[in-house]
C-alpha atoms as a PDB file:
ATOM      1  CA  UNK A   1     -55.850 141.640  17.605  1.00  0.00           C
ATOM      2  CA  UNK A   2     -56.577 139.573  20.522  1.00  0.00           C
ATOM      3  CA  UNK A   3     -60.620 137.368  20.665  1.00  0.00           C
ATOM      4  CA  UNK A   4     -62.767 138.415  23.113  1.00  0.00           C
ATOM      5  CA  UNK A   5     -65.982 136.511  24.248  1.00  0.00           C
ATOM      6  CA  UNK A   6     -68.596 137.848  26.653  1.00  0.00           C
ATOM      7  CA  UNK A   7     -69.700 136.366  29.355  1.00  0.00           C
ATOM      8  CA  UNK A   8     -72.464 134.138  27.690  1.00  0.00           C
ATOM      9  CA  UNK A   9     -70.018 132.759  25.494  1.00  0.00           C
ATOM     10  CA  UNK A  10     -67.353 131.716  28.228  1.00  0.00           C
ATOM     11  CA  UNK A  11     -70.078 130.275  29.976  1.00  0.00           C
ATOM     12  CA  UNK A  12     -71.207 128.297  27.187  1.00  0.00           C
ATOM     13  CA  UNK A  13     -67.664 127.320  26.344  1.00  0.00           C
ATOM     14  CA  UNK A  14     -66.946 126.005  29.688  1.00  0.00           C
ATOM     15  CA  UNK A  15     -70.229 124.657  30.263  1.00  0.00           C
ATOM     16  CA  UNK A  16     -71.308 126.389  32.995  1.00  0.00           C
ATOM     17  CA  UNK A  17     -74.169 129.564  33.367  1.00  0.00           C
ATOM     18  CA  UNK A  18     -73.343 132.759  33.197  1.00  0.00           C
ATOM     19  CA  UNK A  19     -73.582 133.554  36.941  1.00  0.00           C
ATOM     20  CA  UNK A  20     -71.054 130.897  37.312  1.00  0.00           C
ATOM     21  CA  UNK A  21     -68.500 132.734  35.465  1.00  0.00           C
ATOM     22  CA  UNK A  22     -69.164 136.037  37.304  1.00  0.00           C
ATOM     23  CA  UNK A  23     -69.213 135.255  40.452  1.00  0.00           C
ATOM     24  CA  UNK A  24     -65.517 134.043  39.552  1.00  0.00           C
ATOM     25  CA  UNK A  25     -64.539 137.136  37.843  1.00  0.00           C
ATOM     26  CA  UNK A  26     -65.268 139.173  41.105  1.00  0.00           C
ATOM     27  CA  UNK A  27     -63.540 136.172  42.798  1.00  0.00           C
ATOM     28  CA  UNK A  28     -60.720 137.467  40.754  1.00  0.00           C
ATOM     29  CA  UNK A  29     -60.034 133.796  39.565  1.00  0.00           C
ATOM     30  CA  UNK A  30     -61.256 134.403  35.786  1.00  0.00           C
ATOM     31  CA  UNK A  31     -59.442 137.610  34.651  1.00  0.00           C
ATOM     32  CA  UNK A  32     -61.356 140.116  32.601  1.00  0.00           C
ATOM     33  CA  UNK A  33     -61.283 143.003  30.254  1.00  0.00           C
ATOM     34  CA  UNK A  34     -63.465 145.919  30.280  1.00  0.00           C
ATOM     35  CA  UNK A  35     -64.314 147.664  27.109  1.00  0.00           C
ATOM     36  CA  UNK A  36     -66.033 150.784  27.863  1.00  0.00           C
ATOM     37  CA  UNK A  37     -69.059 149.675  29.662  1.00  0.00           C
ATOM     38  CA  UNK A  38     -69.019 146.238  28.465  1.00  0.00           C
ATOM     39  CA  UNK A  39     -67.437 143.454  30.142  1.00  0.00           C
ATOM     40  CA  UNK A  40     -65.816 140.617  28.097  1.00  0.00           C
ATOM     41  CA  UNK A  41     -63.243 137.788  28.628  1.00  0.00           C
ATOM     42  CA  UNK A  42     -59.465 136.660  26.776  1.00  0.00           C
ATOM     43  CA  UNK A  43     -60.592 133.478  24.615  1.00  0.00           C
ATOM     44  CA  UNK A  44     -57.215 132.545  25.389  1.00  0.00           C
ATOM     45  CA  UNK A  45     -57.660 132.716  29.442  1.00  0.00           C
ATOM     46  CA  UNK A  46     -60.881 131.010  29.061  1.00  0.00           C
ATOM     47  CA  UNK A  47     -58.678 128.590  26.792  1.00  0.00           C
ATOM     48  CA  UNK A  48     -56.307 128.023  30.058  1.00  0.00           C
ATOM     49  CA  UNK A  49     -58.657 127.022  32.357  1.00  0.00           C
ATOM     50  CA  UNK A  50     -60.138 124.852  29.813  1.00  0.00           C
ATOM     51  CA  UNK A  51     -57.513 122.958  29.745  1.00  0.00           C
ATOM     52  CA  UNK A  52     -55.741 123.836  33.034  1.00  0.00           C
ATOM     53  CA  UNK A  53     -58.764 123.786  35.778  1.00  0.00           C
ATOM     54  CA  UNK A  54     -59.717 127.252  37.265  1.00  0.00           C
ATOM     55  CA  UNK A  55     -57.083 127.042  40.635  1.00  0.00           C
ATOM     56  CA  UNK A  56     -54.274 127.225  38.016  1.00  0.00           C
ATOM     57  CA  UNK A  57     -55.362 130.692  37.355  1.00  0.00           C
ATOM     58  CA  UNK A  58     -56.476 132.310  40.284  1.00  0.00           C
ATOM     59  CA  UNK A  59     -53.323 134.218  40.256  1.00  0.00           C
ATOM     60  CA  UNK A  60     -53.764 135.625  36.909  1.00  0.00           C
ATOM     61  CA  UNK A  61     -53.159 139.793  38.137  1.00  0.00           C
ATOM     62  CA  UNK A  62     -52.276 139.923  41.693  1.00  0.00           C
ATOM     63  CA  UNK A  63     -49.271 140.059  43.815  1.00  0.00           C
ATOM     64  CA  UNK A  64     -49.244 137.446  46.816  1.00  0.00           C
ATOM     65  CA  UNK A  65     -49.799 139.032  50.038  1.00  0.00           C
ATOM     66  CA  UNK A  66     -47.139 139.125  53.161  1.00  0.00           C
ATOM     67  CA  UNK A  67     -48.547 136.753  55.583  1.00  0.00           C
ATOM     68  CA  UNK A  68     -50.883 138.430  58.855  1.00  0.00           C
ATOM     69  CA  UNK A  69     -48.105 138.098  61.626  1.00  0.00           C
ATOM     70  CA  UNK A  70     -49.781 136.876  65.095  1.00  0.00           C
ATOM     71  CA  UNK A  71     -49.880 139.376  67.459  1.00  0.00           C
ATOM     72  CA  UNK A  72     -51.476 139.318  71.333  1.00  0.00           C
ATOM     73  CA  UNK A  73     -52.924 142.006  73.611  1.00  0.00           C
ATOM     74  CA  UNK A  74     -50.338 143.965  75.471  1.00  0.00           C
ATOM     75  CA  UNK A  75     -49.874 141.394  78.873  1.00  0.00           C
ATOM     76  CA  UNK A  76     -50.463 138.330  77.339  1.00  0.00           C
ATOM     77  CA  UNK A  77     -48.790 135.463  77.661  1.00  0.00           C
ATOM     78  CA  UNK A  78     -48.713 132.774  74.653  1.00  0.00           C
ATOM     79  CA  UNK A  79     -48.302 129.255  75.675  1.00  0.00           C
END
């Protein structure tokens, strides 16, 4: 069975405040696991942050979005 950490345990591991962990989770930078009403983090995901930094974990569970095409209003020419 996979080890799950509380927000407080993850904060202790990463030497930051629990509010920082919650912010990273809401931004999608750190994946979370819901167990009923409880929010937990996988120990391996927290270990990845320790080993590789947070920037490498931003794409967990996300697909890349296509670039937004720039359009102009009718009758407006691009220079």
